[in-house]
Amino acid sequence: MTVLRRLLPLILLAAALLPATARAASSGPCVPGTAGPTCRFWAARVTFVADGDTIRVRVDGDPSGRERTIRCTGINAMELHRYSSDPRKRRGDCHAVEATAVVERLIRRAHGRIRLAAQSAASVTGGRLRRSVAVRVGGRWQDLGRAVMQRGLALWLPNPVEYAHNLEYRRLAQEAAAAHRGLYDPASCGAGPDQDLPIEVLVNWDADGDDRANVNGEWVDIRNDGARDLPLGGWWFRDSWLNYNRHHVPGFEFPAYARVPAGGSVRLHMGCGPNTPATPTVLYWCRHQAVFENAGDQRTQVGDGGYLFDPQGDLRGSMIYPCAVGCGDPLAGAVRLAVHPTAPESIDISNVSGAPVSLDRHLVVLHTRSGASILSDPLGPSAVLLPGQTLELLTVGSAAQDAPLVRHIAGNGALLADTGNAVSLRTYADAVVACTAWGIGRC
C-alpha cells in the first residue's frame, strides 16, 4: 500500500473538517520572530472549553457557522470524566480540572477570542483539528500550550507534522519535571504508597533493527533504589499517548504480584509475553505496534516519554527524551571509546580519569552514517571501571562467556562495517557522552 493510499482517508476527513475560510487564512512564522517554519492562522471565538487540551470554536468567516473541535497540538493534559461549563461540576483525573482552569482563565481574559495556527491546514488527530492556540492578553499573544506546559499540567506530546513548538514544549516539560511542578510533584494528589522510596524510570525507546518488527525491543526499567521492596499492584505506566485498557486504566496496569525489589528493577516490555508470578520482574504490555517515538530528527525535534503513576494518580517516576535541559553527564571526558571494525571486532570503553566510573544508566549504540540505530547495548550496575581499566565489548559470542571486563553483544562478528559506521556512549535520554566514527561514518 502506498503512503498516499494510507493517508487518503485522513486527507478526506481533514477536508470535511476544515472551515470554508481555510484557503483565505493568513500565514507567517509559527513562532513570532523566527524564520520558520511557516503556519497558517485563523481567528476564532471559543464556544466551550472541554479540558486542558481541547476546545470548541467557531472560525471567523466560516459561512456554515459550524462548531469545530480543536485539539491543542504538542500537549496531552490529564482527562476529565465530567465536562461542564460550570467549573464546580467538573470531575476528572488528578490535575485535569486544574489544567482546564488555566486554559479557561486565559481565554476569558481574551474575551473568548483566539488565534489558531497550523503548519498544515489538513492536520487532524482523533477527528479533531490539530492546532496551536494563542490568546491576546495585555497587548501580546500568549500560547496556551506553553502556559499549560510551564505549569507542568500536561505531558509533552510531539508530532512530526505540527512540530514548530516541539523543542520549546520539551524544554518546558523537562524544566517542570526538574522543579517538581504540577504533574511532576510526586505527592500533589496526596500522600501515596511508599512515598519515601526513590524510583527511577529508564526508557529503552529505540529497539534494535525495525522497531515495528521488534516491539519487545522497546522496554522500560523501573528501578527502586530504596532499602525495601516497592509493590506495584494498582500502579500504571504510559507513554505520552493515551491508551486505555479494558479497565479504563490509561496505560499498562501492573498486576497485584508485581513488585520492584529493593535495589533492583522491573522490566516492562512493550510487546507480548507471559505475565506470571513466576517471573515478577519481567512483564509485558502486549502492544502490537511500537510505542515510543524515535528521536534524532533535528528538524521536527520529535521524542517521547515514559511515565509511572501510583494508584492515586501521582506521577512517581518519568523520563522525557531526548534531553534538552541539564544534559551534562559525569562521564563526559572521563571515558574514551575505541572501535576495532576488522575481525575480531570489538568496542572498547576506557576509564581515562583518576577515579572509578560507573557506566550504569548508559548504552553503547551502533548507528549508521545517517544516525539510525543498528543496535544498542545497555550497561548495567555491574559495569564499573577503575582508573585505567577498559571494558571490551565483542560482537561474537554469548553472555555466558562474559567476564568482569569482557562482554558479548548480540551479533555475528560482522556488525562493524569496514566501510564505516559510528559508535556512541549515550544516556537513555539520548545525551551523547562520547562518540567515535570510522570510514564514511560520522558522529
Protein backbone atom coordinates (compact mmCIF):
# COMPACT_ATOMS: atom_id res chain seq x y z
CA MET A 1 0.00 0.00 0.00
CA THR A 2 1.45 3.37 -0.95
CA VAL A 3 1.82 6.22 1.53
CA LEU A 4 -0.74 8.23 -0.45
CA ARG A 5 -3.36 5.47 -0.17
CA ARG A 6 -2.75 5.18 3.57
CA LEU A 7 -3.12 8.94 4.04
CA LEU A 8 -6.13 9.40 1.76
CA PRO A 9 -8.77 8.73 4.47
CA LEU A 10 -7.13 11.30 6.77
CA ILE A 11 -6.90 13.84 3.96
CA LEU A 12 -10.60 13.42 3.16
CA LEU A 13 -11.51 13.68 6.85
CA ALA A 14 -9.45 16.84 7.23
CA ALA A 15 -11.09 18.37 4.18
CA ALA A 16 -14.50 17.72 5.68
CA LEU A 17 -13.50 19.31 8.98
CA LEU A 18 -11.91 22.42 7.50
CA PRO A 19 -13.93 25.62 7.55
CA ALA A 20 -14.74 27.18 4.19
CA THR A 21 -12.36 30.05 5.02
CA ALA A 22 -9.30 27.77 5.23
CA ARG A 23 -7.91 28.85 1.88
CA ALA A 24 -8.17 32.52 2.91
CA ALA A 25 -6.19 32.15 6.15
CA SER A 26 -3.19 34.41 6.72
CA SER A 27 0.31 32.95 7.01
CA GLY A 28 3.64 33.67 8.65
CA PRO A 29 6.22 32.21 11.05
CA CYS A 30 4.62 29.82 13.55
CA VAL A 31 6.71 31.34 16.33
CA PRO A 32 6.91 35.16 16.09
CA GLY A 33 10.39 36.50 15.46
CA THR A 34 11.71 33.29 13.90
CA ALA A 35 12.46 32.39 10.28
CA GLY A 36 10.24 29.33 10.27
CA PRO A 37 8.54 27.01 9.99
CA THR A 38 5.55 28.76 8.46
CA CYS A 39 2.00 28.44 9.79
CA ARG A 40 -1.44 29.44 8.61
CA PHE A 41 -3.56 31.44 11.04
CA TRP A 42 -7.29 31.71 11.67
CA ALA A 43 -9.25 33.93 14.08
CA ALA A 44 -11.98 32.24 16.07
CA ARG A 45 -14.29 32.54 19.05
CA VAL A 46 -14.35 29.86 21.75
CA THR A 47 -17.74 28.28 22.43
CA PHE A 48 -16.71 25.69 25.02
CA VAL A 49 -13.59 24.70 26.98
CA ALA A 50 -13.67 20.90 27.10
CA ASP A 51 -10.46 20.29 29.05
CA GLY A 52 -6.81 21.28 29.27
CA ASP A 53 -6.03 20.44 25.65
CA THR A 54 -9.38 20.55 23.79
CA ILE A 55 -11.74 23.43 22.99
CA ARG A 56 -14.63 24.08 20.63
CA VAL A 57 -14.73 27.16 18.44
CA ARG A 58 -16.43 28.94 15.58
CA VAL A 59 -13.98 30.20 12.99
CA ASP A 60 -14.41 33.76 11.74
CA GLY A 61 -15.84 33.99 8.24
CA ASP A 62 -16.99 30.37 8.10
CA PRO A 63 -20.37 30.66 6.35
CA SER A 64 -21.52 27.31 7.74
CA GLY A 65 -21.25 28.61 11.30
CA ARG A 66 -20.27 25.11 12.37
CA GLU A 67 -18.66 24.45 15.70
CA ARG A 68 -15.18 22.94 15.32
CA THR A 69 -13.35 20.83 17.88
CA ILE A 70 -9.72 21.89 18.32
CA ARG A 71 -7.02 19.67 19.80
CA CYS A 72 -4.10 21.77 21.09
CA THR A 73 -1.00 20.42 19.39
CA GLY A 74 2.01 19.22 21.35
CA ILE A 75 0.40 18.65 24.76
CA ASN A 76 -1.65 15.94 26.48
CA ALA A 77 -3.46 17.02 29.64
CA MET A 78 -4.97 14.59 32.12
CA GLU A 79 -8.52 13.52 31.30
CA LEU A 80 -11.79 14.95 32.56
CA HIS A 81 -14.59 12.44 33.14
CA ARG A 82 -17.31 15.01 33.62
CA TYR A 83 -17.30 18.01 31.28
CA SER A 84 -19.13 21.19 32.16
CA SER A 85 -19.10 24.93 31.53
CA ASP A 86 -19.50 25.21 35.31
CA PRO A 87 -16.06 24.66 36.87
CA ARG A 88 -17.67 23.38 40.08
CA LYS A 89 -19.17 20.43 38.25
CA ARG A 90 -16.01 19.23 36.52
CA ARG A 91 -14.51 15.94 37.59
CA GLY A 92 -11.50 14.06 36.29
CA ASP A 93 -8.08 12.60 36.86
CA CYS A 94 -5.71 14.41 39.17
CA HIS A 95 -4.56 17.69 37.51
CA ALA A 96 -7.27 17.56 34.82
CA VAL A 97 -9.51 20.19 36.43
CA GLU A 98 -6.51 22.43 37.14
CA ALA A 99 -5.29 22.31 33.51
CA THR A 100 -8.80 23.10 32.27
CA ALA A 101 -8.97 26.09 34.61
CA VAL A 102 -5.70 27.51 33.27
CA VAL A 103 -6.95 27.34 29.67
CA GLU A 104 -10.37 28.74 30.53
CA ARG A 105 -8.92 31.63 32.55
CA LEU A 106 -6.67 32.79 29.71
CA ILE A 107 -9.47 32.52 27.17
CA ARG A 108 -11.75 34.59 29.37
CA ARG A 109 -9.09 37.26 29.73
CA ALA A 110 -9.05 37.44 25.92
CA HIS A 111 -12.88 37.71 25.91
CA GLY A 112 -13.17 34.38 24.12
CA ARG A 113 -11.15 35.47 21.09
CA ILE A 114 -8.29 33.21 19.98
CA ARG A 115 -5.86 32.65 17.13
CA LEU A 116 -5.47 29.18 15.66
CA ALA A 117 -2.27 28.12 13.88
CA ALA A 118 -1.18 25.07 11.91
CA GLN A 119 1.67 24.17 9.60
CA SER A 120 -0.80 22.03 7.67
CA ALA A 121 -4.44 23.09 7.38
CA ALA A 122 -5.28 19.38 6.95
CA SER A 123 -3.71 18.38 10.28
CA VAL A 124 -6.12 16.32 12.40
CA THR A 125 -5.95 13.86 15.27
CA GLY A 126 -8.77 11.72 16.56
CA GLY A 127 -11.26 13.52 14.30
CA ARG A 128 -10.29 16.93 15.71
CA LEU A 129 -8.42 19.78 14.05
CA ARG A 130 -4.88 19.87 15.46
CA ARG A 131 -3.89 23.48 16.11
CA SER A 132 -1.71 25.70 18.24
CA VAL A 133 -3.92 28.14 20.15
CA ALA A 134 -2.96 31.64 21.28
CA VAL A 135 -4.84 34.40 23.11
CA ARG A 136 -4.09 38.13 23.10
CA VAL A 137 -3.84 39.39 26.66
CA GLY A 138 -2.32 42.71 27.68
CA GLY A 139 -1.40 43.54 24.10
CA ARG A 140 0.63 40.40 23.43
CA TRP A 141 -0.06 36.88 22.22
CA GLN A 142 0.18 34.07 24.77
CA ASP A 143 0.39 30.45 23.63
CA LEU A 144 -1.99 28.20 25.58
CA GLY A 145 0.21 25.13 25.14
CA ARG A 146 3.15 26.98 26.61
CA ALA A 147 1.05 28.18 29.57
CA VAL A 148 -0.04 24.62 30.40
CA MET A 149 3.42 23.12 29.91
CA GLN A 150 5.13 25.78 32.05
CA ARG A 151 2.91 24.78 34.94
CA GLY A 152 3.67 21.08 34.43
CA LEU A 153 0.00 20.31 33.80
CA ALA A 154 0.34 18.22 30.62
CA LEU A 155 2.60 15.60 29.12
CA TRP A 156 4.72 16.52 26.12
CA LEU A 157 3.07 15.05 23.01
CA PRO A 158 5.15 15.94 19.92
CA ASN A 159 4.30 15.02 16.36
CA PRO A 160 6.22 15.31 13.06
CA VAL A 161 3.51 17.35 11.26
CA GLU A 162 2.90 20.23 13.68
CA TYR A 163 6.44 20.42 15.01
CA ALA A 164 7.00 24.18 15.42
CA HIS A 165 6.68 24.01 19.24
CA ASN A 166 8.15 20.54 19.83
CA LEU A 167 11.52 21.68 21.18
CA GLU A 168 10.01 24.52 23.21
CA TYR A 169 7.46 22.26 24.88
CA ARG A 170 10.07 19.55 25.53
CA ARG A 171 12.24 22.07 27.37
CA LEU A 172 9.26 23.28 29.38
CA ALA A 173 8.34 19.70 30.31
CA GLN A 174 11.86 18.90 31.46
CA GLU A 175 12.10 22.17 33.40
CA ALA A 176 8.79 21.39 35.13
CA ALA A 177 10.00 17.87 35.93
CA ALA A 178 13.25 19.19 37.41
CA ALA A 179 11.31 21.70 39.54
CA HIS A 180 8.63 19.13 40.57
CA ARG A 181 5.83 21.36 39.30
CA GLY A 182 2.29 20.18 38.62
CA LEU A 183 2.23 16.57 37.46
CA TYR A 184 5.87 16.21 38.44
CA ASP A 185 5.19 16.81 42.13
CA PRO A 186 5.07 13.17 43.30
CA ALA A 187 2.71 13.99 46.20
CA SER A 188 0.45 16.57 44.57
CA CYS A 189 -2.51 14.18 44.52
CA GLY A 190 -1.96 13.24 48.17
CA ALA A 191 0.50 11.12 50.11
CA GLY A 192 0.84 7.95 48.07
CA PRO A 193 2.11 4.46 48.87
CA ASP A 194 5.82 4.15 49.71
CA GLN A 195 6.29 7.87 49.12
CA ASP A 196 9.80 7.77 50.58
CA LEU A 197 11.23 5.22 48.12
CA PRO A 198 13.42 6.68 45.34
CA ILE A 199 12.08 5.50 41.97
CA GLU A 200 13.71 5.84 38.56
CA VAL A 201 12.31 5.17 35.08
CA LEU A 202 14.66 4.32 32.20
CA VAL A 203 13.15 4.05 28.71
CA ASN A 204 14.82 1.98 26.00
CA TRP A 205 12.90 3.70 23.21
CA ASP A 206 14.84 2.55 20.15
CA ALA A 207 14.61 -1.19 19.58
CA ASP A 208 17.32 -2.94 17.61
CA GLY A 209 16.50 -3.04 13.90
CA ASP A 210 12.99 -2.11 12.77
CA ASP A 211 11.01 -1.10 15.86
CA ARG A 212 7.78 -2.25 14.18
CA ALA A 213 9.15 -5.79 13.88
CA ASN A 214 10.75 -5.81 17.33
CA VAL A 215 8.19 -4.35 19.72
CA ASN A 216 9.71 -6.20 22.68
CA GLY A 217 12.99 -4.45 21.88
CA GLU A 218 11.32 -1.40 23.39
CA TRP A 219 11.24 -1.69 27.16
CA VAL A 220 11.22 0.27 30.39
CA ASP A 221 13.21 -0.42 33.53
CA ILE A 222 11.59 0.72 36.78
CA ARG A 223 14.26 0.95 39.46
CA ASN A 224 13.90 1.02 43.20
CA ASP A 225 16.93 2.50 44.93
CA GLY A 226 15.34 2.10 48.37
CA ALA A 227 16.01 -0.38 51.14
CA ARG A 228 12.73 -2.30 50.83
CA ASP A 229 10.60 -3.72 48.03
CA LEU A 230 8.16 -1.49 46.15
CA PRO A 231 4.76 -3.17 45.49
CA LEU A 232 3.35 -2.09 42.10
CA GLY A 233 -0.17 -3.55 42.28
CA GLY A 234 -2.61 -0.87 41.08
CA TRP A 235 0.12 1.33 39.56
CA TRP A 236 0.23 2.01 35.81
CA PHE A 237 2.71 3.01 33.14
CA ARG A 238 2.04 5.01 29.98
CA ASP A 239 3.80 6.92 27.24
CA SER A 240 2.70 10.37 26.01
CA TRP A 241 -0.26 8.97 24.06
CA LEU A 242 -3.44 7.89 25.82
CA ASN A 243 -4.28 4.18 25.55
CA TYR A 244 -6.94 2.85 27.91
CA ASN A 245 -7.05 -0.82 28.82
CA ARG A 246 -10.26 -2.79 29.34
CA HIS A 247 -10.48 -1.49 32.93
CA HIS A 248 -10.25 2.10 31.65
CA VAL A 249 -6.75 2.47 33.09
CA PRO A 250 -4.70 4.82 30.86
CA GLY A 251 -1.77 2.51 30.19
CA PHE A 252 -0.29 -0.78 31.42
CA GLU A 253 -1.81 -1.77 34.76
CA PHE A 254 0.63 -3.66 36.97
CA PRO A 255 -0.68 -6.94 38.39
CA ALA A 256 -1.10 -7.38 42.12
CA TYR A 257 2.02 -9.56 42.42
CA ALA A 258 4.37 -7.08 40.72
CA ARG A 259 7.00 -5.51 42.94
CA VAL A 260 10.37 -3.87 42.43
CA PRO A 261 12.99 -5.50 44.67
CA ALA A 262 14.98 -3.27 46.99
CA GLY A 263 17.98 -2.06 45.00
CA GLY A 264 16.62 -3.83 41.90
CA SER A 265 14.38 -3.27 38.92
CA VAL A 266 11.36 -4.49 36.97
CA ARG A 267 11.50 -4.60 33.17
CA LEU A 268 8.29 -3.91 31.25
CA HIS A 269 8.47 -4.92 27.58
CA MET A 270 6.15 -3.15 25.16
CA GLY A 271 5.30 -6.31 23.21
CA CYS A 272 3.60 -9.55 24.20
CA GLY A 273 4.76 -12.29 26.55
CA PRO A 274 3.71 -14.15 29.70
CA ASN A 275 2.78 -12.09 32.78
CA THR A 276 3.03 -14.55 35.64
CA PRO A 277 4.02 -14.56 39.33
CA ALA A 278 6.81 -16.95 38.34
CA THR A 279 8.65 -14.04 36.67
CA PRO A 280 7.51 -10.98 38.68
CA THR A 281 10.32 -8.71 37.48
CA VAL A 282 9.70 -9.26 33.74
CA LEU A 283 6.37 -8.00 32.39
CA TYR A 284 4.75 -7.39 29.00
CA TRP A 285 2.31 -4.66 27.93
CA CYS A 286 1.33 -6.60 24.77
CA ARG A 287 1.10 -3.63 22.45
CA HIS A 288 1.03 -4.73 18.83
CA GLN A 289 2.99 -1.81 17.43
CA ALA A 290 5.96 0.24 18.52
CA VAL A 291 5.08 2.53 21.44
CA PHE A 292 7.87 5.09 21.62
CA GLU A 293 8.77 7.71 19.04
CA ASN A 294 12.39 7.60 17.89
CA ALA A 295 14.38 10.78 18.44
CA GLY A 296 17.10 12.20 16.24
CA ASP A 297 15.35 14.32 13.61
CA GLN A 298 16.78 17.80 14.18
CA ARG A 299 14.08 19.38 12.03
CA THR A 300 10.98 18.03 13.75
CA GLN A 301 12.50 17.52 17.23
CA VAL A 302 10.28 14.52 17.93
CA GLY A 303 10.69 12.41 21.06
CA ASP A 304 8.52 10.89 23.75
CA GLY A 305 8.43 9.97 27.41
CA GLY A 306 7.67 7.19 29.88
CA TYR A 307 5.50 7.87 32.94
CA LEU A 308 4.82 5.78 36.06
CA PHE A 309 1.70 6.62 38.11
CA ASP A 310 0.67 5.35 41.53
CA PRO A 311 -2.94 4.37 42.39
CA GLN A 312 -3.77 7.95 43.47
CA GLY A 313 -2.76 9.36 40.10
CA ASP A 314 0.55 10.81 41.24
CA LEU A 315 3.36 10.70 38.68
CA ARG A 316 6.07 8.94 40.67
CA GLY A 317 8.73 8.46 38.00
CA SER A 318 9.32 9.65 34.46
CA MET A 319 11.83 10.06 31.67
CA ILE A 320 11.41 12.53 28.80
CA TYR A 321 13.72 12.25 25.82
CA PRO A 322 15.76 13.48 24.09
CA CYS A 323 17.37 15.55 26.79
CA ALA A 324 17.02 19.34 26.41
CA VAL A 325 17.66 20.58 29.97
CA GLY A 326 20.55 19.69 32.27
CA CYS A 327 22.10 17.27 29.82
CA GLY A 328 25.58 17.23 31.32
CA ASP A 329 26.91 13.83 32.35
CA PRO A 330 29.65 12.92 34.86
CA LEU A 331 31.20 10.51 32.34
CA ALA A 332 31.94 13.30 29.85
CA GLY A 333 35.73 13.43 29.47
CA ALA A 334 36.18 10.54 31.89
CA VAL A 335 35.87 7.74 29.33
CA ARG A 336 37.19 7.11 25.83
CA LEU A 337 35.74 4.97 23.05
CA ALA A 338 37.83 2.95 20.62
CA VAL A 339 36.49 0.74 17.83
CA HIS A 340 38.17 -2.14 16.01
CA PRO A 341 35.94 -2.75 12.94
CA THR A 342 38.01 -5.57 11.44
CA ALA A 343 37.89 -9.13 12.76
CA PRO A 344 37.96 -9.79 15.62
CA GLU A 345 35.57 -6.86 16.08
CA SER A 346 35.44 -5.03 19.40
CA ILE A 347 34.35 -1.81 21.06
CA ASP A 348 36.48 -0.60 23.95
CA ILE A 349 35.39 1.76 26.72
CA SER A 350 38.33 3.01 28.78
CA ASN A 351 38.39 4.95 32.02
CA VAL A 352 40.86 7.77 31.40
CA SER A 353 40.08 9.58 34.65
CA GLY A 354 41.73 9.27 38.04
CA ALA A 355 38.68 7.86 39.79
CA PRO A 356 36.34 4.87 39.39
CA VAL A 357 33.46 5.38 36.96
CA SER A 358 30.12 3.61 36.68
CA LEU A 359 28.73 3.00 33.20
CA ASP A 360 25.30 2.28 34.65
CA ARG A 361 22.37 4.20 33.06
CA HIS A 362 24.23 4.34 29.75
CA LEU A 363 24.04 2.49 26.45
CA VAL A 364 26.54 1.72 23.73
CA VAL A 365 24.81 2.49 20.42
CA LEU A 366 25.97 1.40 16.96
CA HIS A 367 24.47 3.65 14.32
CA THR A 368 24.66 4.29 10.60
CA ARG A 369 26.06 7.35 8.90
CA SER A 370 22.58 8.89 8.90
CA GLY A 371 22.27 8.36 12.66
CA ALA A 372 19.82 5.44 12.54
CA SER A 373 20.41 2.95 15.35
CA ILE A 374 21.53 -0.54 14.37
CA LEU A 375 21.69 -1.91 17.90
CA SER A 376 22.14 -0.73 21.45
CA ASP A 377 23.62 -2.45 24.46
CA PRO A 378 22.62 -1.27 27.96
CA LEU A 379 25.37 -1.13 30.54
CA GLY A 380 24.02 -2.04 33.97
CA PRO A 381 25.10 -1.51 37.59
CA SER A 382 27.95 -4.02 37.37
CA ALA A 383 29.77 -2.00 34.68
CA VAL A 384 32.26 -0.18 36.91
CA LEU A 385 35.76 0.70 35.71
CA LEU A 386 38.71 1.57 37.90
CA PRO A 387 41.21 4.16 36.62
CA GLY A 388 43.00 2.78 33.56
CA GLN A 389 40.64 -0.17 33.09
CA THR A 390 38.94 -0.98 29.77
CA LEU A 391 35.68 -2.78 29.14
CA GLU A 392 35.82 -4.79 25.90
CA LEU A 393 32.59 -5.45 24.00
CA LEU A 394 32.84 -8.29 21.48
CA THR A 395 30.35 -8.73 18.62
CA VAL A 396 30.51 -12.52 18.64
CA GLY A 397 29.90 -14.97 21.47
CA SER A 398 27.26 -15.27 24.19
CA ALA A 399 26.57 -13.66 27.54
CA ALA A 400 27.61 -16.92 29.19
CA GLN A 401 31.18 -16.07 28.20
CA ASP A 402 31.12 -12.65 29.88
CA ALA A 403 33.84 -11.68 32.33
CA PRO A 404 34.18 -8.56 34.53
CA LEU A 405 35.93 -6.63 31.74
CA VAL A 406 34.67 -8.55 28.71
CA ARG A 407 31.10 -8.60 27.42
CA HIS A 408 29.42 -10.04 24.37
CA ILE A 409 26.71 -8.18 22.48
CA ALA A 410 24.25 -9.73 20.07
CA GLY A 411 25.95 -10.18 16.72
CA ASN A 412 27.69 -12.47 14.32
CA GLY A 413 31.14 -10.96 14.45
CA ALA A 414 30.46 -8.75 11.42
CA LEU A 415 28.46 -5.84 12.82
CA LEU A 416 31.05 -3.10 12.41
CA ALA A 417 31.09 -2.26 8.72
CA ASP A 418 34.60 -1.91 7.33
CA THR A 419 33.40 0.98 5.14
CA GLY A 420 32.31 2.95 8.18
CA ASN A 421 29.80 3.42 10.97
CA ALA A 422 29.75 5.19 14.30
CA VAL A 423 29.55 4.08 17.91
CA SER A 424 28.45 6.31 20.76
CA LEU A 425 28.06 6.08 24.52
CA ARG A 426 24.77 7.73 25.47
CA THR A 427 22.37 8.22 28.31
CA TYR A 428 18.88 6.76 27.99
CA ALA A 429 17.70 10.32 27.36
CA ASP A 430 19.98 10.43 24.29
CA ALA A 431 22.66 12.76 25.63
CA VAL A 432 25.92 11.79 23.90
CA VAL A 433 28.83 11.21 26.30
CA ALA A 434 31.39 10.01 23.74
CA CYS A 435 31.36 9.06 20.08
CA THR A 436 33.80 7.65 17.56
CA ALA A 437 33.40 7.04 13.82
CA TRP A 438 35.44 5.45 11.07
CA GLY A 439 35.38 5.34 7.28
CA ILE A 440 32.24 7.04 5.94
CA GLY A 441 30.63 7.10 9.39
CA ARG A 442 30.13 10.29 11.34
CA CYS A 443 29.16 11.21 14.88
